[in-house]
Amino acid sequence: ALLDLSGVHQISGTWMGSTTIPCTYVPSEGFTQQTLSWSMERDYSTSTILRRDDSGDHILLSRFRDRVSVPKHSPGNVSLLIENLEIPDSGHYTCQVIWRSKNNSLIAKEVTTTVKVVKVAVTKPVIVAGERGLTVPAGARTSLSCVASGSPPISYRWFRSSPGGRARLLGHQAELAWDSPQPSDSGTYYCEAQNR
């Protein structure tokens, strides 16, 4: 077999995560890729998701718009990346490539992969406690970092409370940094971690 597509029979992805359905071939001289199409079969109906031809990549199923892509600059790699997986993304995906040979004949090959989107047990974020008290010299760069375990994605927020006042939001990163802390920065700081 001069031109052959290779893929896998089955692949699983995690709900809300992303997965790549492999589809590759070894480019050979005298054959140019004319079209690539990715289609999906679910509940006995087949729809084309993506088509690549001379005019570019076209997403034909609107629910996959902004969620699917195929590598642009790696010849022979036409794998499909699906992001933000939804449960209905489970199904049979077929990668079909059509090549044109030097004498203008067309060769088509395809490979089908079953994709199963699974939900994983979601665990609440648990913050790993850091140092409770921190004394730093004024003007010396310092930072507080917050680390939480649990199901990704985890987002962080840092707050500072002032005596008798409300908590002030300071940042959305896991690390809260001061380039040049001053005595007025003394106080109590809180980290909050959140996931689904």
N, C-alpha and C. Protein backbone atom coordinates (compact mmCIF):
# COMPACT_ATOMS: atom_id res chain seq x y z
N ALA A 1 0.86 -1.19 0.00
CA ALA A 1 0.00 0.00 0.00
C ALA A 1 0.89 1.23 0.00
N LEU A 2 0.79 1.98 -1.07
CA LEU A 2 1.65 3.15 -1.20
C LEU A 2 1.16 4.24 -0.25
N LEU A 3 -0.10 4.60 -0.40
CA LEU A 3 -0.66 5.61 0.48
C LEU A 3 -1.64 4.92 1.40
N ASP A 4 -1.42 5.04 2.69
CA ASP A 4 -2.34 4.42 3.62
C ASP A 4 -2.57 5.34 4.80
N LEU A 5 -3.80 5.42 5.26
CA LEU A 5 -4.10 6.23 6.43
C LEU A 5 -3.94 5.36 7.66
N SER A 6 -3.34 5.91 8.69
CA SER A 6 -3.35 5.15 9.94
C SER A 6 -4.06 5.94 11.02
N GLY A 7 -4.80 5.20 11.81
CA GLY A 7 -5.57 5.81 12.90
C GLY A 7 -5.69 4.79 14.02
N VAL A 8 -6.66 4.96 14.89
CA VAL A 8 -6.91 3.98 15.95
C VAL A 8 -8.38 3.58 15.91
N HIS A 9 -8.69 2.41 16.47
CA HIS A 9 -10.07 1.94 16.42
C HIS A 9 -10.96 2.67 17.41
N GLN A 10 -10.41 2.92 18.58
CA GLN A 10 -11.25 3.50 19.63
C GLN A 10 -10.45 4.47 20.47
N ILE A 11 -11.15 5.50 20.94
CA ILE A 11 -10.48 6.52 21.74
C ILE A 11 -11.52 7.05 22.71
N SER A 12 -11.07 7.44 23.90
CA SER A 12 -12.06 8.05 24.79
C SER A 12 -11.57 9.41 25.22
N GLY A 13 -12.52 10.29 25.46
CA GLY A 13 -12.20 11.65 25.87
C GLY A 13 -13.02 11.98 27.09
N THR A 14 -12.57 12.97 27.84
CA THR A 14 -13.26 13.37 29.06
C THR A 14 -14.17 14.55 28.79
N TRP A 15 -15.39 14.46 29.27
CA TRP A 15 -16.35 15.56 29.14
C TRP A 15 -15.70 16.87 29.56
N MET A 16 -15.89 17.90 28.74
CA MET A 16 -15.33 19.24 28.95
C MET A 16 -13.84 19.32 28.63
N GLY A 17 -13.21 18.17 28.38
CA GLY A 17 -11.78 18.18 28.04
C GLY A 17 -11.61 18.20 26.54
N SER A 18 -10.44 17.76 26.05
CA SER A 18 -10.25 17.71 24.61
C SER A 18 -9.60 16.38 24.24
N THR A 19 -9.73 16.01 22.97
CA THR A 19 -9.14 14.77 22.50
C THR A 19 -8.71 14.94 21.05
N THR A 20 -7.69 14.19 20.65
CA THR A 20 -7.24 14.22 19.26
C THR A 20 -7.50 12.85 18.64
N ILE A 21 -8.24 12.83 17.53
CA ILE A 21 -8.48 11.58 16.82
C ILE A 21 -7.40 11.47 15.76
N PRO A 22 -6.48 10.49 15.92
CA PRO A 22 -5.34 10.44 15.00
C PRO A 22 -5.73 10.00 13.59
N CYS A 23 -5.12 10.63 12.59
CA CYS A 23 -5.28 10.23 11.20
C CYS A 23 -4.04 10.75 10.48
N THR A 24 -3.16 9.85 10.08
CA THR A 24 -1.89 10.27 9.48
C THR A 24 -1.54 9.40 8.28
N TYR A 25 -0.69 9.95 7.42
CA TYR A 25 -0.15 9.16 6.31
C TYR A 25 1.24 9.67 6.00
N VAL A 26 2.00 8.88 5.26
CA VAL A 26 3.33 9.29 4.86
C VAL A 26 3.22 9.92 3.47
N PRO A 27 3.48 11.24 3.37
CA PRO A 27 3.35 11.89 2.05
C PRO A 27 4.30 11.21 1.06
N SER A 28 3.81 10.94 -0.14
CA SER A 28 4.71 10.35 -1.12
C SER A 28 4.71 11.16 -2.40
N GLU A 29 5.86 11.14 -3.04
CA GLU A 29 6.05 11.95 -4.24
C GLU A 29 5.07 11.54 -5.33
N GLY A 30 4.59 12.52 -6.04
CA GLY A 30 3.69 12.21 -7.14
C GLY A 30 2.24 12.19 -6.73
N PHE A 31 1.97 12.36 -5.41
CA PHE A 31 0.57 12.40 -4.96
C PHE A 31 0.34 13.67 -4.17
N THR A 32 -0.69 14.42 -4.52
CA THR A 32 -1.02 15.61 -3.75
C THR A 32 -2.39 15.44 -3.11
N GLN A 33 -2.49 15.91 -1.87
CA GLN A 33 -3.76 15.80 -1.16
C GLN A 33 -4.75 16.77 -1.76
N GLN A 34 -5.87 16.24 -2.27
CA GLN A 34 -6.90 17.08 -2.86
C GLN A 34 -7.87 17.55 -1.80
N THR A 35 -8.50 16.58 -1.11
CA THR A 35 -9.47 16.94 -0.08
C THR A 35 -9.29 16.05 1.13
N LEU A 36 -9.65 16.61 2.25
CA LEU A 36 -9.72 15.87 3.50
C LEU A 36 -11.12 16.11 4.05
N SER A 37 -11.78 15.05 4.49
CA SER A 37 -13.05 15.32 5.16
C SER A 37 -13.15 14.45 6.41
N TRP A 38 -13.71 15.06 7.44
CA TRP A 38 -14.00 14.35 8.70
C TRP A 38 -15.50 14.30 8.83
N SER A 39 -16.05 13.08 8.98
CA SER A 39 -17.48 12.98 9.18
C SER A 39 -17.75 12.18 10.44
N MET A 40 -18.97 12.29 10.93
CA MET A 40 -19.34 11.63 12.17
C MET A 40 -20.65 10.90 11.99
N GLU A 41 -20.69 9.66 12.46
CA GLU A 41 -21.94 8.90 12.40
C GLU A 41 -22.42 8.69 13.82
N ARG A 42 -23.69 9.05 14.04
CA ARG A 42 -24.31 8.87 15.34
C ARG A 42 -25.79 8.60 15.10
N ASP A 43 -26.33 7.61 15.80
CA ASP A 43 -27.74 7.25 15.64
C ASP A 43 -28.10 7.04 14.16
N TYR A 44 -27.24 6.33 13.43
CA TYR A 44 -27.49 5.94 12.05
C TYR A 44 -27.52 7.10 11.05
N SER A 45 -27.14 8.29 11.46
CA SER A 45 -27.05 9.35 10.45
C SER A 45 -25.62 9.88 10.43
N THR A 46 -25.16 10.21 9.23
CA THR A 46 -23.77 10.66 9.07
C THR A 46 -23.75 12.12 8.62
N SER A 47 -22.91 12.91 9.27
CA SER A 47 -22.77 14.32 8.86
C SER A 47 -21.29 14.65 8.73
N THR A 48 -21.00 15.51 7.75
CA THR A 48 -19.62 15.95 7.59
C THR A 48 -19.37 17.09 8.56
N ILE A 49 -18.27 16.98 9.33
CA ILE A 49 -17.92 18.01 10.32
C ILE A 49 -17.02 19.06 9.67
N LEU A 50 -15.94 18.55 9.02
CA LEU A 50 -14.92 19.46 8.50
C LEU A 50 -14.48 18.99 7.12
N ARG A 51 -14.25 19.95 6.24
CA ARG A 51 -13.74 19.63 4.91
C ARG A 51 -12.59 20.58 4.60
N ARG A 52 -11.48 20.01 4.16
CA ARG A 52 -10.34 20.85 3.76
C ARG A 52 -10.10 20.64 2.27
N ASP A 53 -10.05 21.76 1.52
CA ASP A 53 -9.70 21.67 0.10
C ASP A 53 -8.81 22.86 -0.24
N ASP A 54 -8.65 23.15 -1.52
CA ASP A 54 -7.75 24.24 -1.91
C ASP A 54 -8.13 25.58 -1.30
N SER A 55 -9.41 25.74 -0.99
CA SER A 55 -9.84 27.05 -0.48
C SER A 55 -9.78 27.13 1.04
N GLY A 56 -9.28 26.09 1.69
CA GLY A 56 -9.13 26.17 3.15
C GLY A 56 -9.95 25.14 3.90
N ASP A 57 -10.11 25.40 5.20
CA ASP A 57 -10.87 24.50 6.07
C ASP A 57 -12.28 25.03 6.26
N HIS A 58 -13.26 24.15 6.11
CA HIS A 58 -14.65 24.56 6.27
C HIS A 58 -15.31 23.69 7.33
N ILE A 59 -15.86 24.35 8.35
CA ILE A 59 -16.58 23.61 9.40
C ILE A 59 -18.04 23.57 8.96
N LEU A 60 -18.56 22.37 8.74
CA LEU A 60 -19.90 22.26 8.17
C LEU A 60 -20.99 21.97 9.21
N LEU A 61 -20.57 21.61 10.42
CA LEU A 61 -21.58 21.39 11.47
C LEU A 61 -21.41 22.49 12.49
N SER A 62 -22.44 23.32 12.65
CA SER A 62 -22.26 24.51 13.48
C SER A 62 -21.92 24.20 14.93
N ARG A 63 -22.39 23.05 15.44
CA ARG A 63 -22.09 22.79 16.85
C ARG A 63 -20.61 22.47 17.09
N PHE A 64 -19.86 22.24 16.00
CA PHE A 64 -18.42 22.00 16.15
C PHE A 64 -17.60 23.26 15.87
N ARG A 65 -18.28 24.35 15.49
CA ARG A 65 -17.54 25.57 15.16
C ARG A 65 -16.75 26.05 16.38
N ASP A 66 -15.50 26.45 16.17
CA ASP A 66 -14.60 26.91 17.23
C ASP A 66 -14.18 25.78 18.18
N ARG A 67 -14.58 24.52 17.88
CA ARG A 67 -14.18 23.43 18.76
C ARG A 67 -13.31 22.40 18.08
N VAL A 68 -13.25 22.44 16.73
CA VAL A 68 -12.45 21.43 16.02
C VAL A 68 -11.39 22.08 15.15
N SER A 69 -10.26 21.38 15.00
CA SER A 69 -9.21 21.88 14.12
C SER A 69 -8.32 20.72 13.68
N VAL A 70 -7.63 20.94 12.56
CA VAL A 70 -6.70 19.97 11.99
C VAL A 70 -5.37 20.72 11.83
N PRO A 71 -4.23 20.07 12.16
CA PRO A 71 -2.94 20.77 12.03
C PRO A 71 -2.78 21.39 10.65
N LYS A 72 -2.21 22.62 10.63
CA LYS A 72 -2.09 23.35 9.37
C LYS A 72 -0.77 23.06 8.66
N HIS A 73 0.32 22.93 9.42
CA HIS A 73 1.64 22.92 8.78
C HIS A 73 2.40 21.62 9.01
N SER A 74 1.68 20.49 9.15
CA SER A 74 2.43 19.24 9.26
C SER A 74 1.89 18.27 8.22
N PRO A 75 2.56 18.19 7.07
CA PRO A 75 2.10 17.33 5.97
C PRO A 75 1.94 15.89 6.44
N GLY A 76 0.82 15.29 6.05
CA GLY A 76 0.57 13.91 6.42
C GLY A 76 -0.16 13.74 7.74
N ASN A 77 -0.25 14.83 8.53
CA ASN A 77 -0.98 14.74 9.78
C ASN A 77 -2.31 15.48 9.63
N VAL A 78 -3.40 14.71 9.53
CA VAL A 78 -4.72 15.33 9.35
C VAL A 78 -5.63 14.95 10.53
N SER A 79 -4.98 14.75 11.70
CA SER A 79 -5.73 14.38 12.91
C SER A 79 -6.69 15.48 13.31
N LEU A 80 -7.79 15.08 13.94
CA LEU A 80 -8.82 16.05 14.33
C LEU A 80 -8.77 16.29 15.83
N LEU A 81 -8.59 17.56 16.19
CA LEU A 81 -8.62 17.93 17.62
C LEU A 81 -10.03 18.44 17.93
N ILE A 82 -10.65 17.86 18.95
CA ILE A 82 -11.97 18.34 19.39
C ILE A 82 -11.79 18.86 20.81
N GLU A 83 -12.23 20.10 21.02
CA GLU A 83 -12.11 20.70 22.35
C GLU A 83 -13.47 20.81 23.00
N ASN A 84 -13.47 21.06 24.32
CA ASN A 84 -14.73 21.21 25.08
C ASN A 84 -15.71 20.10 24.74
N LEU A 85 -15.27 18.86 24.92
CA LEU A 85 -16.08 17.71 24.54
C LEU A 85 -17.45 17.70 25.22
N GLU A 86 -18.46 17.41 24.43
CA GLU A 86 -19.82 17.26 24.95
C GLU A 86 -20.18 15.78 24.88
N ILE A 87 -21.14 15.34 25.69
CA ILE A 87 -21.55 13.95 25.65
C ILE A 87 -22.04 13.53 24.25
N PRO A 88 -22.81 14.38 23.53
CA PRO A 88 -23.27 13.99 22.18
C PRO A 88 -22.14 13.89 21.15
N ASP A 89 -20.90 14.24 21.52
CA ASP A 89 -19.79 14.08 20.59
C ASP A 89 -19.39 12.61 20.44
N SER A 90 -19.93 11.74 21.29
CA SER A 90 -19.64 10.31 21.16
C SER A 90 -20.19 9.83 19.82
N GLY A 91 -19.43 8.98 19.13
CA GLY A 91 -19.90 8.47 17.83
C GLY A 91 -18.75 7.90 17.03
N HIS A 92 -19.00 7.60 15.76
CA HIS A 92 -17.97 7.04 14.88
C HIS A 92 -17.48 8.14 13.94
N TYR A 93 -16.19 8.43 14.00
CA TYR A 93 -15.61 9.50 13.19
C TYR A 93 -14.80 8.89 12.06
N THR A 94 -15.04 9.37 10.84
CA THR A 94 -14.31 8.85 9.69
C THR A 94 -13.47 9.96 9.06
N CYS A 95 -12.19 9.63 8.89
CA CYS A 95 -11.24 10.54 8.23
C CYS A 95 -11.09 10.02 6.81
N GLN A 96 -11.39 10.87 5.81
CA GLN A 96 -11.21 10.45 4.42
C GLN A 96 -10.30 11.43 3.69
N VAL A 97 -9.28 10.87 3.04
CA VAL A 97 -8.36 11.71 2.27
C VAL A 97 -8.41 11.26 0.81
N ILE A 98 -8.48 12.24 -0.08
CA ILE A 98 -8.42 11.95 -1.53
C ILE A 98 -7.16 12.61 -2.08
N TRP A 99 -6.34 11.79 -2.75
CA TRP A 99 -5.13 12.30 -3.37
C TRP A 99 -5.28 12.29 -4.90
N ARG A 100 -4.53 13.19 -5.55
CA ARG A 100 -4.48 13.18 -7.00
C ARG A 100 -3.06 12.76 -7.40
N SER A 101 -2.98 11.82 -8.32
CA SER A 101 -1.65 11.35 -8.73
C SER A 101 -1.18 12.18 -9.94
N LYS A 102 0.08 11.95 -10.35
CA LYS A 102 0.65 12.71 -11.47
C LYS A 102 -0.15 12.51 -12.75
N ASN A 103 -0.69 11.30 -12.93
CA ASN A 103 -1.47 11.08 -14.15
C ASN A 103 -2.96 11.40 -13.95
N ASN A 104 -3.21 12.25 -12.92
CA ASN A 104 -4.57 12.76 -12.66
C ASN A 104 -5.61 11.74 -12.22
N SER A 105 -5.17 10.58 -11.73
CA SER A 105 -6.19 9.67 -11.18
C SER A 105 -6.34 9.98 -9.70
N LEU A 106 -7.50 9.68 -9.15
CA LEU A 106 -7.78 9.98 -7.75
C LEU A 106 -7.73 8.70 -6.92
N ILE A 107 -7.15 8.83 -5.73
CA ILE A 107 -7.10 7.71 -4.79
C ILE A 107 -7.75 8.18 -3.49
N ALA A 108 -8.67 7.38 -2.97
CA ALA A 108 -9.33 7.74 -1.70
C ALA A 108 -9.08 6.65 -0.67
N LYS A 109 -8.81 7.07 0.56
CA LYS A 109 -8.66 6.12 1.66
C LYS A 109 -9.41 6.70 2.86
N GLU A 110 -9.90 5.81 3.72
CA GLU A 110 -10.53 6.33 4.94
C GLU A 110 -10.26 5.42 6.12
N VAL A 111 -10.38 6.01 7.30
CA VAL A 111 -10.19 5.26 8.54
C VAL A 111 -11.24 5.75 9.55
N THR A 112 -11.82 4.82 10.29
CA THR A 112 -12.90 5.17 11.23
C THR A 112 -12.50 4.87 12.67
N THR A 113 -12.79 5.81 13.53
CA THR A 113 -12.48 5.69 14.96
C THR A 113 -13.74 5.91 15.79
N THR A 114 -13.95 5.05 16.77
CA THR A 114 -15.09 5.24 17.67
C THR A 114 -14.64 6.11 18.84
N VAL A 115 -15.39 7.18 19.08
CA VAL A 115 -15.06 8.09 20.17
C VAL A 115 -16.12 7.98 21.26
N LYS A 116 -15.64 7.83 22.48
CA LYS A 116 -16.56 7.75 23.61
C LYS A 116 -16.22 8.87 24.57
N VAL A 117 -17.20 9.73 24.84
CA VAL A 117 -16.97 10.83 25.78
C VAL A 117 -17.49 10.38 27.14
N VAL A 118 -16.61 10.41 28.14
CA VAL A 118 -16.99 9.92 29.47
C VAL A 118 -16.95 11.05 30.49
N LYS A 119 -17.84 10.95 31.45
CA LYS A 119 -17.80 11.90 32.56
C LYS A 119 -16.92 11.29 33.64
N VAL A 120 -16.06 12.09 34.22
CA VAL A 120 -15.26 11.57 35.32
C VAL A 120 -15.86 12.07 36.61
N ALA A 121 -15.58 11.35 37.68
CA ALA A 121 -16.07 11.79 38.98
C ALA A 121 -15.46 13.16 39.26
N VAL A 122 -16.32 14.12 39.54
CA VAL A 122 -15.84 15.48 39.78
C VAL A 122 -15.55 15.63 41.27
N THR A 123 -14.36 16.11 41.60
CA THR A 123 -14.02 16.31 43.01
C THR A 123 -13.84 17.78 43.31
N LYS A 124 -14.31 18.18 44.48
CA LYS A 124 -14.20 19.58 44.89
C LYS A 124 -12.74 19.96 45.06
N PRO A 125 -12.44 21.25 44.82
CA PRO A 125 -11.05 21.66 45.03
C PRO A 125 -10.72 21.65 46.53
N VAL A 126 -9.53 21.16 46.84
CA VAL A 126 -9.05 21.21 48.22
C VAL A 126 -7.76 21.99 48.20
N ILE A 127 -7.74 23.07 48.97
CA ILE A 127 -6.54 23.92 48.97
C ILE A 127 -5.48 23.31 49.88
N VAL A 128 -4.28 23.20 49.34
CA VAL A 128 -3.16 22.71 50.13
C VAL A 128 -2.63 23.90 50.92
N ALA A 129 -2.70 23.79 52.24
CA ALA A 129 -2.33 24.93 53.08
C ALA A 129 -0.85 25.27 52.95
N GLY A 130 -0.56 26.55 52.83
CA GLY A 130 0.83 27.00 52.78
C GLY A 130 1.21 27.52 54.16
N GLU A 131 2.23 28.37 54.18
CA GLU A 131 2.62 28.96 55.46
C GLU A 131 1.51 29.87 55.95
N ARG A 132 1.22 29.79 57.23
CA ARG A 132 0.13 30.62 57.77
C ARG A 132 0.57 32.05 58.05
N GLY A 133 1.84 32.21 58.41
CA GLY A 133 2.30 33.56 58.70
C GLY A 133 3.56 33.83 57.90
N LEU A 134 3.68 35.04 57.39
CA LEU A 134 4.82 35.34 56.53
C LEU A 134 5.30 36.73 56.90
N THR A 135 6.63 36.83 57.21
CA THR A 135 7.20 38.14 57.51
C THR A 135 8.26 38.41 56.45
N VAL A 136 8.11 39.55 55.75
CA VAL A 136 9.07 39.85 54.69
C VAL A 136 9.60 41.27 54.86
N PRO A 137 10.84 41.50 54.46
CA PRO A 137 11.38 42.86 54.52
C PRO A 137 10.71 43.76 53.48
N ALA A 138 10.50 45.03 53.85
CA ALA A 138 9.89 45.96 52.90
C ALA A 138 10.75 46.07 51.65
N GLY A 139 10.08 46.15 50.51
CA GLY A 139 10.82 46.35 49.25
C GLY A 139 11.36 45.09 48.62
N ALA A 140 11.30 43.93 49.32
CA ALA A 140 11.82 42.69 48.73
C ALA A 140 10.68 41.96 48.04
N ARG A 141 10.88 41.64 46.76
CA ARG A 141 9.82 40.96 46.02
C ARG A 141 9.37 39.70 46.75
N THR A 142 8.06 39.54 46.87
CA THR A 142 7.54 38.37 47.55
C THR A 142 6.23 37.94 46.92
N SER A 143 5.82 36.72 47.21
CA SER A 143 4.55 36.26 46.65
C SER A 143 3.90 35.23 47.55
N LEU A 144 2.60 35.13 47.41
CA LEU A 144 1.85 34.07 48.08
C LEU A 144 1.31 33.18 46.97
N SER A 145 1.41 31.87 47.14
CA SER A 145 0.79 31.05 46.11
C SER A 145 -0.21 30.09 46.70
N CYS A 146 -1.21 29.80 45.88
CA CYS A 146 -2.33 28.99 46.30
C CYS A 146 -2.34 27.75 45.42
N VAL A 147 -2.38 26.56 46.03
CA VAL A 147 -2.39 25.33 45.26
C VAL A 147 -3.60 24.50 45.70
N ALA A 148 -4.40 24.06 44.74
CA ALA A 148 -5.56 23.25 45.08
C ALA A 148 -5.55 21.98 44.26
N SER A 149 -6.03 20.89 44.88
CA SER A 149 -6.19 19.65 44.12
C SER A 149 -7.67 19.49 43.83
N GLY A 150 -8.01 18.68 42.83
CA GLY A 150 -9.42 18.49 42.47
C GLY A 150 -9.55 18.47 40.96
N SER A 151 -10.79 18.35 40.47
CA SER A 151 -11.02 18.25 39.03
C SER A 151 -10.71 19.57 38.33
N PRO A 152 -9.88 19.52 37.28
CA PRO A 152 -9.66 20.76 36.51
C PRO A 152 -10.89 21.07 35.67
N PRO A 153 -11.05 22.30 35.17
CA PRO A 153 -10.14 23.41 35.45
C PRO A 153 -10.45 24.07 36.80
N ILE A 154 -9.38 24.51 37.48
CA ILE A 154 -9.54 25.19 38.78
C ILE A 154 -9.17 26.66 38.58
N SER A 155 -10.03 27.54 39.06
CA SER A 155 -9.69 28.96 38.98
C SER A 155 -9.47 29.48 40.40
N TYR A 156 -8.64 30.51 40.49
CA TYR A 156 -8.25 31.03 41.81
C TYR A 156 -8.63 32.50 41.94
N ARG A 157 -8.89 32.90 43.17
CA ARG A 157 -9.07 34.34 43.46
C ARG A 157 -8.41 34.64 44.80
N TRP A 158 -7.73 35.77 44.84
CA TRP A 158 -7.11 36.23 46.08
C TRP A 158 -7.87 37.44 46.62
N PHE A 159 -8.09 37.46 47.94
CA PHE A 159 -8.78 38.57 48.60
C PHE A 159 -7.93 39.08 49.74
N ARG A 160 -8.19 40.32 50.09
CA ARG A 160 -7.59 40.88 51.32
C ARG A 160 -8.73 41.44 52.15
N SER A 161 -8.68 41.17 53.44
CA SER A 161 -9.74 41.75 54.27
C SER A 161 -9.15 42.87 55.09
N SER A 162 -9.92 43.94 55.19
CA SER A 162 -9.48 45.05 56.04
C SER A 162 -10.35 45.01 57.28
N PRO A 163 -9.81 45.44 58.44
CA PRO A 163 -10.56 45.35 59.70
C PRO A 163 -11.93 46.02 59.57
N GLY A 164 -12.98 45.26 59.86
CA GLY A 164 -14.33 45.82 59.82
C GLY A 164 -14.81 46.14 58.42
N GLY A 165 -14.00 45.82 57.40
CA GLY A 165 -14.42 46.15 56.04
C GLY A 165 -14.73 44.89 55.25
N ARG A 166 -15.01 45.07 53.96
CA ARG A 166 -15.31 43.92 53.12
C ARG A 166 -14.03 43.40 52.49
N ALA A 167 -14.10 42.14 52.04
CA ALA A 167 -12.93 41.56 51.37
C ALA A 167 -12.77 42.21 50.00
N ARG A 168 -11.53 42.55 49.66
CA ARG A 168 -11.25 43.16 48.36
C ARG A 168 -10.61 42.13 47.44
N LEU A 169 -11.14 42.03 46.23
CA LEU A 169 -10.57 41.09 45.26
C LEU A 169 -9.26 41.65 44.72
N LEU A 170 -8.19 40.84 44.77
CA LEU A 170 -6.88 41.33 44.35
C LEU A 170 -6.38 40.71 43.06
N GLY A 171 -6.81 39.49 42.78
CA GLY A 171 -6.26 38.87 41.57
C GLY A 171 -6.91 37.55 41.25
N HIS A 172 -6.70 37.09 40.02
CA HIS A 172 -7.33 35.84 39.55
C HIS A 172 -6.29 34.76 39.28
N GLN A 173 -5.05 34.98 39.71
CA GLN A 173 -4.01 33.98 39.46
C GLN A 173 -3.80 33.13 40.72
N ALA A 174 -3.11 32.01 40.53
CA ALA A 174 -2.80 31.15 41.68
C ALA A 174 -1.75 31.85 42.56
N GLU A 175 -0.99 32.76 41.95
CA GLU A 175 0.05 33.46 42.71
C GLU A 175 -0.30 34.94 42.86
N LEU A 176 -0.08 35.43 44.06
CA LEU A 176 -0.29 36.86 44.32
C LEU A 176 1.09 37.43 44.61
N ALA A 177 1.56 38.37 43.80
CA ALA A 177 2.94 38.83 43.93
C ALA A 177 3.03 40.33 44.20
N TRP A 178 4.05 40.69 44.95
CA TRP A 178 4.37 42.11 45.19
C TRP A 178 5.80 42.33 44.72
N ASP A 179 6.01 43.33 43.87
CA ASP A 179 7.37 43.63 43.44
C ASP A 179 8.13 44.34 44.56
N SER A 180 7.41 45.21 45.25
CA SER A 180 8.05 45.98 46.31
C SER A 180 7.05 46.21 47.44
N PRO A 181 6.86 45.19 48.31
CA PRO A 181 5.84 45.30 49.35
C PRO A 181 6.19 46.39 50.38
N GLN A 182 5.15 47.08 50.84
CA GLN A 182 5.31 48.15 51.84
C GLN A 182 4.60 47.73 53.13
N PRO A 183 4.92 48.40 54.24
CA PRO A 183 4.24 48.06 55.51
C PRO A 183 2.71 48.10 55.38
N SER A 184 2.21 48.95 54.47
CA SER A 184 0.74 49.04 54.31
C SER A 184 0.15 47.77 53.70
N ASP A 185 1.01 46.90 53.16
CA ASP A 185 0.52 45.65 52.59
C ASP A 185 0.32 44.57 53.65
N SER A 186 0.72 44.89 54.89
CA SER A 186 0.51 43.92 55.97
C SER A 186 -0.97 43.66 56.15
N GLY A 187 -1.33 42.44 56.45
CA GLY A 187 -2.74 42.15 56.65
C GLY A 187 -3.01 40.67 56.44
N THR A 188 -4.29 40.36 56.33
CA THR A 188 -4.69 38.97 56.15
C THR A 188 -5.19 38.78 54.72
N TYR A 189 -4.69 37.74 54.06
CA TYR A 189 -5.04 37.47 52.68
C TYR A 189 -5.71 36.10 52.58
N TYR A 190 -6.69 35.98 51.69
CA TYR A 190 -7.41 34.73 51.54
C TYR A 190 -7.36 34.26 50.09
N CYS A 191 -7.26 32.95 49.93
CA CYS A 191 -7.30 32.40 48.58
C CYS A 191 -8.58 31.58 48.46
N GLU A 192 -9.22 31.68 47.30
CA GLU A 192 -10.42 30.89 47.02
C GLU A 192 -10.15 30.09 45.73
N ALA A 193 -10.46 28.80 45.76
CA ALA A 193 -10.30 27.96 44.57
C ALA A 193 -11.66 27.47 44.16
N GLN A 194 -11.91 27.44 42.84
CA GLN A 194 -13.23 27.05 42.35
C GLN A 194 -13.11 26.20 41.10
N ASN A 195 -13.94 25.14 41.01
CA ASN A 195 -14.05 24.38 39.76
C ASN A 195 -15.52 24.15 39.48
N ARG A 196 -15.83 23.18 38.55
CA ARG A 196 -17.24 22.98 38.20
C ARG A 196 -18.07 22.59 39.40
